[in-house]
């Protein structure tokens, strides 16, 4: 190889390697500064539920939020240490003096912490609201056993949990209306369908506001049996070919299983295969080989229908 060609090759390699490496270098956050927005420095509040808000950093993947009492220079208790992907986080605290701080992080660097102080004063329970933890709003579940949970609210001696299927139109006909002194409650559902629930704190003299109503849906019914459509059973076909079946309204995906001719041995390690639509491409097998397949539907909560009957085809 001539000297000129060697030089050209080295330049090309250097450019290629340089452009490739930059794709994997994260911008450093070390010199960036976090700006905390709320609660502002020295905030005094009678609301036990606080929303912590900060300005986002362009190159951050997440933010570390920490809350202590009374201060980071004299920590008596670490109340929260969590990673948050958004720019807000809501948390319920008892009356007291606190400091909170946030730093932005990515895979290789982080900003310095920014810190602010705030104070929460005791107040009437009726001005407070319970912070619900679970279940998440609009949850879909196939499990009849459902666990509710919420955060402690200062001044409460118990918590009233109400569950309904009619948006609390008639409080005399609720699915559930229970008072507990725990921060969790487990219910066994008897009917499928959509539910609403809410929680409030209570003591001997007053009640808090109701939490925001959340919804969930309980579905334990599996999808119907899938009907295979093409290729027709026992047909001789050329590959590649498309395996098709009827689409079901309540299915979000399908489980396709392809077997050897004995209807037991999997054709290859890629099966069973999850498919989002009602078709899949098959491009394998040897001439004269018999292939067997079947499909079942899966709904959004994971209920699995019964398998279709077996279909087979012969590779042309």
Foldseek 3Di string as FASTA:
>chain_A
DDPVVVVVVVVVVVVVVVVVVVVVDQDACAPPDKAWDPPAAAAEEQEQKGKTFTDDDPRFQWKWKWKAPADPVDGPDTDDTDIGRDGIDIDGHDFHKMKMWMWGDDDPYIYDIDMHIYGHDHDDQQAYEWAWDDDDFAAEAQAQKGKTFTDDDPPFQKKWKWKADPVPPDVVDTPDTDIDRDRMDIGGHDDWFKMKMWMWGDDPPDIYDIHPIGMYTHDNDAFEEKAWDPDFFAAEDAPFDKTFIDDTPQFQKKFKFKAFPVVPHGPDPCPRDIGRDGMDTDGDDDAFTKMKMWMWGAGPNGHIYDIYDIGIYGHD
